[in-house]
């Protein structure tokens, strides 16, 4: 892919940004390509060295606050015609509850997902507390010289400690997965406001 094609595709995918910000981003990547070419790379090598357009768009989207994207979209929106306004008002009893219901369902799904993360961490903490409590339970057995009781308490402590360690890694991976999913969802929401020709 040459410089012109790369910049055209980048411009198309970022078309929802404000004109000033769009030109600033395009100029930045054009200059980056020129710098690589000045260092001796061919045009195709310079473009390939920057990376795929999709990755660059995702990086730019992650840097821009959602509120700014929404504000830009609302500012640039053209005036609606009378019949469009009438349809929106007459259809409001149908589409407003549907939009609210969809938003509530998505929000509740997101809350349940984070509740599962918190529950997993609570289980891990409970297992760690169980290991400490089992060790504490071994003390009375030691005083009574009850070897079987001490052995059972220490065995329970080791089992709880092992499960707590295992659960820690599971919780960490689960939390990282939910965070990654959250970022993807936010990028998807942001992409609704950019990348479409007006």
N, C-alpha and C. Protein backbone atom coordinates (compact mmCIF):
# COMPACT_ATOMS: atom_id res chain seq x y z
N UNK A 1 0.85 -1.17 0.00
CA UNK A 1 0.00 0.00 0.00
C UNK A 1 0.91 1.24 0.00
N UNK A 2 0.59 2.19 -0.86
CA UNK A 2 1.40 3.41 -0.89
C UNK A 2 0.84 4.45 0.07
N UNK A 3 1.56 5.56 0.17
CA UNK A 3 1.20 6.61 1.13
C UNK A 3 -0.19 7.18 0.86
N UNK A 4 -0.47 7.45 -0.38
CA UNK A 4 -1.76 8.06 -0.73
C UNK A 4 -2.93 7.14 -0.37
N UNK A 5 -2.81 5.85 -0.68
CA UNK A 5 -3.87 4.89 -0.34
C UNK A 5 -4.03 4.77 1.17
N UNK A 6 -2.90 4.71 1.88
CA UNK A 6 -2.92 4.60 3.33
C UNK A 6 -3.64 5.78 3.96
N UNK A 7 -3.26 6.99 3.56
CA UNK A 7 -3.88 8.19 4.12
C UNK A 7 -5.34 8.31 3.74
N UNK A 8 -5.69 7.88 2.53
CA UNK A 8 -7.11 7.92 2.11
C UNK A 8 -7.94 6.98 2.96
N UNK A 9 -7.42 5.78 3.22
CA UNK A 9 -8.16 4.82 4.04
C UNK A 9 -8.27 5.32 5.49
N UNK A 10 -7.19 5.90 5.99
CA UNK A 10 -7.21 6.45 7.34
C UNK A 10 -8.22 7.60 7.43
N UNK A 11 -8.24 8.47 6.42
CA UNK A 11 -9.19 9.58 6.39
C UNK A 11 -10.62 9.07 6.39
N UNK A 12 -10.87 8.00 5.62
CA UNK A 12 -12.22 7.44 5.53
C UNK A 12 -12.67 6.87 6.87
N UNK A 13 -11.77 6.14 7.54
CA UNK A 13 -12.15 5.49 8.80
C UNK A 13 -12.26 6.48 9.96
N UNK A 14 -11.65 7.65 9.82
CA UNK A 14 -11.71 8.66 10.87
C UNK A 14 -12.60 9.83 10.48
N UNK A 15 -13.46 9.63 9.51
CA UNK A 15 -14.24 10.74 8.96
C UNK A 15 -15.19 11.38 9.97
N UNK A 16 -15.49 10.73 11.07
CA UNK A 16 -16.39 11.31 12.05
C UNK A 16 -15.72 12.30 12.99
N UNK A 17 -14.39 12.41 12.94
CA UNK A 17 -13.69 13.37 13.79
C UNK A 17 -13.92 14.79 13.27
N UNK A 18 -13.63 15.75 14.12
CA UNK A 18 -13.75 17.14 13.67
C UNK A 18 -12.74 17.37 12.55
N UNK A 19 -13.04 18.26 11.62
CA UNK A 19 -12.11 18.50 10.50
C UNK A 19 -10.70 18.87 10.95
N UNK A 20 -10.59 19.68 12.01
CA UNK A 20 -9.27 20.08 12.48
C UNK A 20 -8.49 18.88 13.01
N UNK A 21 -9.17 18.08 13.83
CA UNK A 21 -8.48 16.92 14.41
C UNK A 21 -8.14 15.88 13.34
N UNK A 22 -9.03 15.71 12.38
CA UNK A 22 -8.78 14.76 11.29
C UNK A 22 -7.54 15.18 10.51
N UNK A 23 -7.45 16.47 10.16
CA UNK A 23 -6.30 16.95 9.40
C UNK A 23 -5.01 16.84 10.22
N UNK A 24 -5.12 17.06 11.53
CA UNK A 24 -3.95 16.94 12.39
C UNK A 24 -3.45 15.49 12.41
N UNK A 25 -4.37 14.53 12.51
CA UNK A 25 -3.97 13.11 12.52
C UNK A 25 -3.38 12.69 11.18
N UNK A 26 -4.01 13.13 10.09
CA UNK A 26 -3.52 12.77 8.75
C UNK A 26 -2.12 13.37 8.54
N UNK A 27 -1.94 14.63 8.94
CA UNK A 27 -0.63 15.27 8.78
C UNK A 27 0.44 14.55 9.61
N UNK A 28 0.06 14.09 10.79
CA UNK A 28 1.01 13.38 11.65
C UNK A 28 1.50 12.10 10.96
N UNK A 29 0.57 11.31 10.42
CA UNK A 29 0.98 10.06 9.78
C UNK A 29 1.65 10.29 8.44
N UNK A 30 1.28 11.36 7.73
CA UNK A 30 1.98 11.69 6.48
C UNK A 30 3.43 12.06 6.77
N UNK A 31 3.64 12.83 7.84
CA UNK A 31 4.99 13.21 8.22
C UNK A 31 5.79 11.99 8.68
N UNK A 32 5.13 11.07 9.39
CA UNK A 32 5.81 9.86 9.84
C UNK A 32 6.29 9.04 8.64
N UNK A 33 5.44 8.93 7.62
CA UNK A 33 5.83 8.19 6.41
C UNK A 33 6.98 8.90 5.72
N UNK A 34 6.89 10.23 5.61
CA UNK A 34 7.97 11.00 4.97
C UNK A 34 9.28 10.83 5.71
N UNK A 35 9.24 10.82 7.04
CA UNK A 35 10.46 10.63 7.84
C UNK A 35 11.08 9.26 7.58
N UNK A 36 10.26 8.25 7.49
CA UNK A 36 10.78 6.90 7.23
C UNK A 36 11.38 6.81 5.83
N UNK A 37 10.74 7.50 4.88
CA UNK A 37 11.28 7.50 3.52
C UNK A 37 12.59 8.28 3.46
N UNK A 38 12.70 9.35 4.27
CA UNK A 38 13.94 10.13 4.32
C UNK A 38 15.09 9.30 4.92
N UNK A 39 14.73 8.33 5.76
CA UNK A 39 15.74 7.45 6.35
C UNK A 39 16.14 6.32 5.42
N UNK A 40 15.56 6.26 4.22
CA UNK A 40 15.98 5.28 3.22
C UNK A 40 14.97 4.19 2.92
N UNK A 41 13.84 4.18 3.56
CA UNK A 41 12.83 3.15 3.28
C UNK A 41 12.05 3.51 2.03
N UNK A 42 11.59 2.50 1.33
CA UNK A 42 10.71 2.77 0.19
C UNK A 42 9.35 3.21 0.72
N UNK A 43 8.51 3.71 -0.17
CA UNK A 43 7.20 4.19 0.27
C UNK A 43 6.38 3.06 0.88
N UNK A 44 6.40 1.88 0.24
CA UNK A 44 5.65 0.73 0.74
C UNK A 44 6.19 0.25 2.08
N UNK A 45 7.53 0.26 2.25
CA UNK A 45 8.12 -0.15 3.52
C UNK A 45 7.77 0.83 4.63
N UNK A 46 7.78 2.11 4.29
CA UNK A 46 7.45 3.14 5.28
C UNK A 46 6.01 2.99 5.75
N UNK A 47 5.11 2.72 4.83
CA UNK A 47 3.70 2.54 5.19
C UNK A 47 3.52 1.26 6.00
N UNK A 48 4.17 0.18 5.57
CA UNK A 48 4.05 -1.09 6.28
C UNK A 48 4.64 -1.00 7.68
N UNK A 49 5.67 -0.18 7.86
CA UNK A 49 6.29 -0.02 9.17
C UNK A 49 5.40 0.66 10.19
N UNK A 50 4.45 1.43 9.72
CA UNK A 50 3.53 2.12 10.64
C UNK A 50 2.53 1.15 11.23
N UNK A 51 2.09 0.19 10.44
CA UNK A 51 1.14 -0.80 10.93
C UNK A 51 -0.19 -0.70 10.19
N UNK A 52 -1.09 -1.65 10.45
CA UNK A 52 -2.39 -1.65 9.78
C UNK A 52 -3.25 -0.44 10.18
N UNK A 53 -4.04 0.02 9.23
CA UNK A 53 -4.91 1.17 9.46
C UNK A 53 -5.86 0.90 10.62
N UNK A 54 -6.38 -0.32 10.69
CA UNK A 54 -7.34 -0.67 11.75
C UNK A 54 -6.73 -0.50 13.13
N UNK A 55 -5.46 -0.89 13.30
CA UNK A 55 -4.79 -0.73 14.59
C UNK A 55 -4.61 0.74 14.94
N UNK A 56 -4.27 1.54 13.93
CA UNK A 56 -4.08 2.97 14.16
C UNK A 56 -5.40 3.62 14.55
N UNK A 57 -6.48 3.23 13.86
CA UNK A 57 -7.80 3.78 14.18
C UNK A 57 -8.19 3.40 15.60
N UNK A 58 -7.97 2.14 15.99
CA UNK A 58 -8.29 1.71 17.36
C UNK A 58 -7.48 2.49 18.39
N UNK A 59 -6.21 2.74 18.09
CA UNK A 59 -5.37 3.51 19.02
C UNK A 59 -5.89 4.94 19.15
N UNK A 60 -6.24 5.56 18.03
CA UNK A 60 -6.75 6.93 18.06
C UNK A 60 -8.07 6.98 18.82
N UNK A 61 -8.94 5.99 18.58
CA UNK A 61 -10.24 5.96 19.26
C UNK A 61 -10.08 5.79 20.76
N UNK A 62 -9.08 5.01 21.18
CA UNK A 62 -8.89 4.81 22.62
C UNK A 62 -8.38 6.08 23.30
N UNK A 63 -7.75 6.97 22.54
CA UNK A 63 -7.23 8.22 23.11
C UNK A 63 -8.29 9.31 23.21
N UNK A 64 -9.33 9.24 22.39
CA UNK A 64 -10.32 10.31 22.33
C UNK A 64 -11.48 9.99 23.27
N UNK A 65 -11.85 10.92 24.15
CA UNK A 65 -12.99 10.68 25.05
C UNK A 65 -14.30 10.55 24.27
N UNK A 66 -15.17 9.69 24.75
CA UNK A 66 -16.45 9.46 24.10
C UNK A 66 -17.29 10.73 24.07
N UNK A 67 -17.23 11.52 25.12
CA UNK A 67 -18.03 12.75 25.17
C UNK A 67 -17.65 13.71 24.05
N UNK A 68 -16.37 13.77 23.71
CA UNK A 68 -15.94 14.66 22.62
C UNK A 68 -16.44 14.15 21.27
N UNK A 69 -16.42 12.83 21.08
CA UNK A 69 -16.93 12.27 19.82
C UNK A 69 -18.42 12.55 19.65
N UNK A 70 -19.17 12.35 20.74
CA UNK A 70 -20.61 12.60 20.68
C UNK A 70 -20.88 14.08 20.42
N UNK A 71 -20.13 14.96 21.09
CA UNK A 71 -20.30 16.40 20.89
C UNK A 71 -20.04 16.81 19.46
N UNK A 72 -18.99 16.25 18.85
CA UNK A 72 -18.68 16.57 17.45
C UNK A 72 -19.79 16.09 16.52
N UNK A 73 -20.29 14.91 16.81
CA UNK A 73 -21.36 14.34 15.96
C UNK A 73 -22.61 15.21 16.04
N UNK A 74 -22.96 15.65 17.25
CA UNK A 74 -24.16 16.47 17.43
C UNK A 74 -23.97 17.84 16.78
N UNK A 75 -22.77 18.43 16.90
CA UNK A 75 -22.52 19.74 16.31
C UNK A 75 -22.66 19.73 14.79
N UNK A 76 -22.16 18.66 14.17
CA UNK A 76 -22.15 18.62 12.71
C UNK A 76 -23.45 18.10 12.11
N UNK A 77 -24.36 17.63 12.93
CA UNK A 77 -25.59 17.07 12.41
C UNK A 77 -26.36 18.14 11.63
N UNK A 78 -26.81 17.76 10.45
CA UNK A 78 -27.56 18.72 9.63
C UNK A 78 -28.96 18.92 10.19
N UNK A 79 -29.60 19.96 9.75
CA UNK A 79 -30.97 20.24 10.18
C UNK A 79 -31.91 19.16 9.63
N UNK A 80 -32.81 18.73 10.46
CA UNK A 80 -33.78 17.72 10.04
C UNK A 80 -34.93 18.40 9.31
N UNK A 81 -35.50 17.65 8.39
CA UNK A 81 -36.68 18.14 7.66
C UNK A 81 -37.90 17.98 8.54
N UNK A 82 -38.97 18.68 8.18
CA UNK A 82 -40.20 18.65 8.97
C UNK A 82 -40.79 17.26 9.10
N UNK A 83 -40.81 16.50 8.01
CA UNK A 83 -41.40 15.17 8.07
C UNK A 83 -40.56 14.23 8.93
N UNK A 84 -39.22 14.44 8.97
CA UNK A 84 -38.38 13.61 9.83
C UNK A 84 -38.68 13.89 11.31
N UNK A 85 -38.84 15.15 11.63
CA UNK A 85 -39.17 15.52 13.00
C UNK A 85 -40.53 14.95 13.39
N UNK A 86 -41.50 15.04 12.48
CA UNK A 86 -42.84 14.50 12.76
C UNK A 86 -42.78 13.00 13.00
N UNK A 87 -42.02 12.28 12.18
CA UNK A 87 -41.88 10.83 12.37
C UNK A 87 -41.22 10.50 13.70
N UNK A 88 -40.20 11.28 14.06
CA UNK A 88 -39.53 11.04 15.35
C UNK A 88 -40.49 11.25 16.51
N UNK A 89 -41.29 12.32 16.43
CA UNK A 89 -42.22 12.63 17.53
C UNK A 89 -43.34 11.59 17.58
N UNK A 90 -43.92 11.26 16.42
CA UNK A 90 -45.02 10.28 16.40
C UNK A 90 -44.55 8.87 16.76
N UNK A 91 -43.32 8.55 16.41
CA UNK A 91 -42.79 7.22 16.72
C UNK A 91 -42.18 7.11 18.10
N UNK A 92 -42.08 8.24 18.80
CA UNK A 92 -41.44 8.24 20.12
C UNK A 92 -42.06 7.26 21.10
N UNK A 93 -43.41 7.09 21.13
CA UNK A 93 -43.95 6.11 22.07
C UNK A 93 -43.47 4.67 21.79
N UNK A 94 -42.99 4.44 20.60
CA UNK A 94 -42.49 3.11 20.27
C UNK A 94 -40.97 3.02 20.46
N UNK A 95 -40.23 3.97 19.90
CA UNK A 95 -38.78 3.82 19.92
C UNK A 95 -38.12 4.24 21.23
N UNK A 96 -38.69 5.18 21.97
CA UNK A 96 -38.07 5.60 23.24
C UNK A 96 -38.04 4.45 24.25
N UNK A 97 -39.18 3.74 24.48
CA UNK A 97 -39.10 2.61 25.42
C UNK A 97 -38.18 1.49 24.94
N UNK A 98 -38.12 1.27 23.63
CA UNK A 98 -37.22 0.24 23.12
C UNK A 98 -35.76 0.61 23.34
N UNK A 99 -35.42 1.86 23.12
CA UNK A 99 -34.04 2.30 23.34
C UNK A 99 -33.69 2.21 24.83
N UNK A 100 -34.62 2.64 25.69
CA UNK A 100 -34.37 2.57 27.13
C UNK A 100 -34.22 1.11 27.57
N UNK A 101 -35.10 0.24 27.07
CA UNK A 101 -35.02 -1.18 27.44
C UNK A 101 -33.70 -1.80 26.98
N UNK A 102 -33.28 -1.48 25.76
CA UNK A 102 -32.01 -2.01 25.26
C UNK A 102 -30.84 -1.51 26.11
N UNK A 103 -30.86 -0.23 26.46
CA UNK A 103 -29.79 0.33 27.29
C UNK A 103 -29.76 -0.32 28.67
N UNK A 104 -30.94 -0.54 29.25
CA UNK A 104 -31.00 -1.16 30.58
C UNK A 104 -30.52 -2.61 30.53
N UNK A 105 -30.88 -3.33 29.48
CA UNK A 105 -30.44 -4.72 29.34
C UNK A 105 -28.92 -4.78 29.20
N UNK A 106 -28.36 -3.91 28.37
CA UNK A 106 -26.91 -3.90 28.19
C UNK A 106 -26.19 -3.50 29.48
N UNK A 107 -26.73 -2.51 30.16
CA UNK A 107 -26.13 -2.08 31.42
C UNK A 107 -26.21 -3.19 32.48
N UNK A 108 -27.34 -3.88 32.55
CA UNK A 108 -27.46 -4.95 33.54
C UNK A 108 -26.53 -6.11 33.20
N UNK A 109 -26.33 -6.40 31.91
CA UNK A 109 -25.36 -7.44 31.52
C UNK A 109 -23.96 -7.04 31.98
N UNK A 110 -23.63 -5.79 31.80
CA UNK A 110 -22.31 -5.30 32.19
C UNK A 110 -22.13 -5.36 33.71
N UNK A 111 -23.17 -4.99 34.45
CA UNK A 111 -23.12 -5.06 35.91
C UNK A 111 -22.98 -6.50 36.39
N UNK A 112 -23.71 -7.42 35.77
CA UNK A 112 -23.62 -8.84 36.14
C UNK A 112 -22.21 -9.36 35.88
N UNK A 113 -21.62 -8.95 34.77
CA UNK A 113 -20.27 -9.38 34.44
C UNK A 113 -19.28 -8.94 35.53
N UNK A 114 -19.37 -7.68 35.95
CA UNK A 114 -18.47 -7.20 37.00
C UNK A 114 -18.83 -7.81 38.35
N UNK A 115 -20.09 -8.16 38.56
CA UNK A 115 -20.48 -8.85 39.80
C UNK A 115 -19.81 -10.23 39.86
N UNK A 116 -19.74 -10.89 38.71
CA UNK A 116 -19.05 -12.19 38.67
C UNK A 116 -17.57 -12.03 39.00
N UNK A 117 -16.97 -10.96 38.50
CA UNK A 117 -15.55 -10.71 38.81
C UNK A 117 -15.38 -10.51 40.32
N UNK A 118 -16.23 -9.67 40.91
CA UNK A 118 -16.15 -9.44 42.36
C UNK A 118 -16.40 -10.71 43.15
N UNK A 119 -17.34 -11.53 42.70
CA UNK A 119 -17.64 -12.80 43.38
C UNK A 119 -16.43 -13.73 43.33
N UNK A 120 -15.78 -13.80 42.17
CA UNK A 120 -14.59 -14.65 42.05
C UNK A 120 -13.50 -14.20 43.01
N UNK A 121 -13.29 -12.88 43.12
CA UNK A 121 -12.28 -12.37 44.06
C UNK A 121 -12.69 -12.65 45.51
N UNK A 122 -14.00 -12.58 45.79
CA UNK A 122 -14.48 -12.87 47.15
C UNK A 122 -14.23 -14.34 47.51
N UNK A 123 -14.43 -15.22 46.54
CA UNK A 123 -14.15 -16.65 46.77
C UNK A 123 -12.67 -16.85 47.04
N UNK A 124 -11.82 -16.17 46.27
CA UNK A 124 -10.38 -16.29 46.48
C UNK A 124 -9.99 -15.80 47.87
N UNK A 125 -10.55 -14.66 48.28
CA UNK A 125 -10.27 -14.13 49.61
C UNK A 125 -10.77 -15.08 50.70
N UNK A 126 -11.92 -15.69 50.47
CA UNK A 126 -12.47 -16.65 51.45
C UNK A 126 -11.57 -17.88 51.58
N UNK A 127 -11.04 -18.34 50.46
CA UNK A 127 -10.13 -19.49 50.53
C UNK A 127 -8.85 -19.13 51.29
N UNK A 128 -8.34 -17.93 51.05
CA UNK A 128 -7.14 -17.49 51.78
C UNK A 128 -7.44 -17.38 53.28
N UNK A 129 -8.61 -16.82 53.61
CA UNK A 129 -9.00 -16.72 55.02
C UNK A 129 -9.21 -18.11 55.62
N UNK A 130 -9.73 -19.04 54.82
CA UNK A 130 -9.91 -20.41 55.28
C UNK A 130 -8.57 -21.08 55.60
N UNK A 131 -7.54 -20.76 54.81
CA UNK A 131 -6.21 -21.31 55.08
C UNK A 131 -5.68 -20.80 56.41
N UNK A 132 -5.85 -19.51 56.66
CA UNK A 132 -5.37 -18.93 57.93
C UNK A 132 -6.18 -19.50 59.10
N UNK A 133 -7.50 -19.60 58.92
CA UNK A 133 -8.35 -20.12 59.99
C UNK A 133 -8.03 -21.59 60.29
N UNK A 134 -7.73 -22.36 59.27
CA UNK A 134 -7.38 -23.77 59.49
C UNK A 134 -6.07 -23.89 60.25
N UNK A 135 -5.12 -23.02 59.94
CA UNK A 135 -3.87 -23.03 60.71
C UNK A 135 -4.13 -22.65 62.16
N UNK A 136 -5.01 -21.68 62.38
CA UNK A 136 -5.34 -21.27 63.74
C UNK A 136 -6.06 -22.40 64.47
N UNK A 137 -6.84 -23.20 63.74
CA UNK A 137 -7.57 -24.31 64.35
C UNK A 137 -6.62 -25.43 64.77
N UNK A 138 -5.43 -25.46 64.21
CA UNK A 138 -4.47 -26.51 64.58
C UNK A 138 -3.89 -26.27 65.98
N UNK A 139 -3.92 -25.04 66.45
CA UNK A 139 -3.31 -24.71 67.76
C UNK A 139 -3.98 -25.46 68.91
N UNK A 140 -5.33 -25.45 69.01
CA UNK A 140 -5.93 -26.23 70.11
C UNK A 140 -5.61 -27.72 70.03
N UNK A 141 -5.53 -28.25 68.84
CA UNK A 141 -5.19 -29.67 68.71
C UNK A 141 -3.77 -29.93 69.18
N UNK A 142 -2.88 -28.96 68.93
CA UNK A 142 -1.50 -29.11 69.41
C UNK A 142 -1.46 -29.14 70.94
N UNK A 143 -2.25 -28.29 71.58
CA UNK A 143 -2.28 -28.24 73.05
C UNK A 143 -2.80 -29.55 73.61
N UNK A 144 -3.78 -30.14 72.91
CA UNK A 144 -4.35 -31.41 73.39
C UNK A 144 -3.52 -32.62 72.96
N UNK A 145 -2.49 -32.36 72.17
CA UNK A 145 -1.63 -33.42 71.64
C UNK A 145 -2.44 -34.41 70.80
N UNK A 146 -3.35 -33.84 70.03
CA UNK A 146 -4.18 -34.64 69.13
C UNK A 146 -3.55 -34.57 67.74
N UNK A 147 -2.74 -35.56 67.39
CA UNK A 147 -2.00 -35.58 66.13
C UNK A 147 -2.90 -35.61 64.92
N UNK A 148 -3.98 -36.38 65.00
CA UNK A 148 -4.90 -36.48 63.86
C UNK A 148 -5.59 -35.15 63.60
N UNK A 149 -5.98 -34.45 64.67
CA UNK A 149 -6.62 -33.13 64.52
C UNK A 149 -5.66 -32.12 63.90
N UNK A 150 -4.38 -32.13 64.36
CA UNK A 150 -3.37 -31.23 63.80
C UNK A 150 -3.17 -31.52 62.32
N UNK A 151 -3.07 -32.81 62.00
CA UNK A 151 -2.87 -33.22 60.60
C UNK A 151 -4.02 -32.78 59.72
N UNK A 152 -5.25 -32.94 60.21
CA UNK A 152 -6.43 -32.52 59.43
C UNK A 152 -6.47 -31.01 59.25
N UNK A 153 -6.15 -30.27 60.32
CA UNK A 153 -6.18 -28.81 60.23
C UNK A 153 -5.11 -28.30 59.27
N UNK A 154 -3.91 -28.86 59.36
CA UNK A 154 -2.83 -28.44 58.45
C UNK A 154 -3.17 -28.85 57.01
N UNK A 155 -3.75 -30.02 56.83
CA UNK A 155 -4.17 -30.46 55.49
C UNK A 155 -5.22 -29.52 54.90
N UNK A 156 -6.19 -29.12 55.74
CA UNK A 156 -7.22 -28.18 55.28
C UNK A 156 -6.59 -26.83 54.95
N UNK A 157 -5.62 -26.40 55.75
CA UNK A 157 -4.94 -25.12 55.49
C UNK A 157 -4.19 -25.17 54.17
N UNK A 158 -3.48 -26.28 53.93
CA UNK A 158 -2.73 -26.41 52.67
C UNK A 158 -3.68 -26.49 51.47
N UNK A 159 -4.80 -27.21 51.63
CA UNK A 159 -5.77 -27.30 50.53
C UNK A 159 -6.36 -25.93 50.22
N UNK A 160 -6.75 -25.19 51.26
CA UNK A 160 -7.31 -23.85 51.05
C UNK A 160 -6.28 -22.91 50.45
N UNK A 161 -5.03 -22.99 50.93
CA UNK A 161 -3.98 -22.13 50.40
C UNK A 161 -3.72 -22.43 48.92
N UNK A 162 -3.66 -23.72 48.59
CA UNK A 162 -3.45 -24.11 47.19
C UNK A 162 -4.58 -23.64 46.29
N UNK A 163 -5.82 -23.83 46.77
CA UNK A 163 -6.97 -23.36 45.97
C UNK A 163 -6.99 -21.84 45.86
N UNK A 164 -6.56 -21.14 46.94
CA UNK A 164 -6.52 -19.67 46.89
C UNK A 164 -5.50 -19.19 45.87
N UNK A 165 -4.36 -19.86 45.81
CA UNK A 165 -3.33 -19.48 44.83
C UNK A 165 -3.84 -19.75 43.42
N UNK A 166 -4.43 -20.91 43.21
CA UNK A 166 -4.98 -21.23 41.89
C UNK A 166 -6.09 -20.25 41.51
N UNK A 167 -6.96 -19.96 42.46
CA UNK A 167 -8.07 -19.05 42.20
C UNK A 167 -7.58 -17.63 41.92
N UNK A 168 -6.44 -17.24 42.53
CA UNK A 168 -5.87 -15.92 42.26
C UNK A 168 -5.56 -15.76 40.78
N UNK A 169 -4.93 -16.77 40.19
CA UNK A 169 -4.58 -16.68 38.76
C UNK A 169 -5.83 -16.70 37.88
N UNK A 170 -6.82 -17.48 38.29
CA UNK A 170 -8.08 -17.50 37.55
C UNK A 170 -8.76 -16.13 37.62
N UNK A 171 -8.80 -15.55 38.81
CA UNK A 171 -9.43 -14.23 39.00
C UNK A 171 -8.70 -13.16 38.21
N UNK A 172 -7.39 -13.22 38.23
CA UNK A 172 -6.60 -12.23 37.49
C UNK A 172 -6.87 -12.33 35.99
N UNK A 173 -6.91 -13.56 35.46
CA UNK A 173 -7.19 -13.73 34.04
C UNK A 173 -8.62 -13.30 33.70
N UNK A 174 -9.56 -13.62 34.57
CA UNK A 174 -10.96 -13.25 34.36
C UNK A 174 -11.12 -11.73 34.36
N UNK A 175 -10.47 -11.06 35.31
CA UNK A 175 -10.54 -9.60 35.39
C UNK A 175 -9.92 -8.97 34.15
N UNK A 176 -8.77 -9.50 33.71
CA UNK A 176 -8.12 -8.97 32.51
C UNK A 176 -9.03 -9.16 31.29
N UNK A 177 -9.70 -10.32 31.21
CA UNK A 177 -10.61 -10.56 30.09
C UNK A 177 -11.79 -9.60 30.08
N UNK A 178 -12.35 -9.33 31.26
CA UNK A 178 -13.48 -8.40 31.34
C UNK A 178 -13.03 -6.98 31.01
N UNK A 179 -11.83 -6.60 31.44
CA UNK A 179 -11.31 -5.28 31.08
C UNK A 179 -11.09 -5.16 29.58
N UNK A 180 -10.56 -6.22 28.98
CA UNK A 180 -10.35 -6.22 27.53
C UNK A 180 -11.69 -6.13 26.79
N UNK A 181 -12.67 -6.87 27.28
CA UNK A 181 -14.01 -6.80 26.69
C UNK A 181 -14.60 -5.40 26.84
N UNK A 182 -14.38 -4.78 27.99
CA UNK A 182 -14.88 -3.42 28.22
C UNK A 182 -14.26 -2.43 27.24
N UNK A 183 -12.95 -2.57 27.01
CA UNK A 183 -12.28 -1.69 26.05
C UNK A 183 -12.84 -1.90 24.64
N UNK A 184 -13.07 -3.17 24.27
CA UNK A 184 -13.62 -3.44 22.94
C UNK A 184 -15.02 -2.86 22.80
N UNK A 185 -15.82 -2.97 23.85
CA UNK A 185 -17.18 -2.42 23.80
C UNK A 185 -17.12 -0.90 23.65
N UNK A 186 -16.21 -0.25 24.40
CA UNK A 186 -16.08 1.20 24.30
C UNK A 186 -15.61 1.61 22.91
N UNK A 187 -14.65 0.87 22.35
CA UNK A 187 -14.20 1.17 20.99
C UNK A 187 -15.32 0.99 19.98
N UNK A 188 -16.15 -0.03 20.19
CA UNK A 188 -17.29 -0.26 19.29
C UNK A 188 -18.27 0.89 19.38
N UNK A 189 -18.53 1.37 20.60
CA UNK A 189 -19.44 2.51 20.77
C UNK A 189 -18.85 3.75 20.10
N UNK A 190 -17.54 3.97 20.30
CA UNK A 190 -16.91 5.13 19.68
C UNK A 190 -16.93 5.03 18.15
N UNK A 191 -16.80 3.81 17.63
CA UNK A 191 -16.79 3.65 16.17
C UNK A 191 -18.16 3.99 15.56
N UNK A 192 -19.20 4.01 16.37
CA UNK A 192 -20.51 4.44 15.86
C UNK A 192 -20.51 5.92 15.50
N UNK A 193 -19.57 6.67 16.07
CA UNK A 193 -19.53 8.11 15.86
C UNK A 193 -18.49 8.55 14.85
N UNK A 194 -17.63 7.63 14.40
CA UNK A 194 -16.62 7.98 13.40
C UNK A 194 -16.61 6.91 12.32
N UNK A 195 -15.91 7.24 11.23
CA UNK A 195 -15.70 6.25 10.18
C UNK A 195 -16.80 6.12 9.16
N UNK A 196 -17.80 6.97 9.26
CA UNK A 196 -18.87 6.92 8.27
C UNK A 196 -18.90 8.26 7.56
N UNK A 197 -19.01 8.19 6.27
CA UNK A 197 -19.11 9.43 5.51
C UNK A 197 -20.43 10.10 5.82
N UNK A 198 -20.38 11.38 6.03
CA UNK A 198 -21.61 12.12 6.38
C UNK A 198 -22.42 12.36 5.12
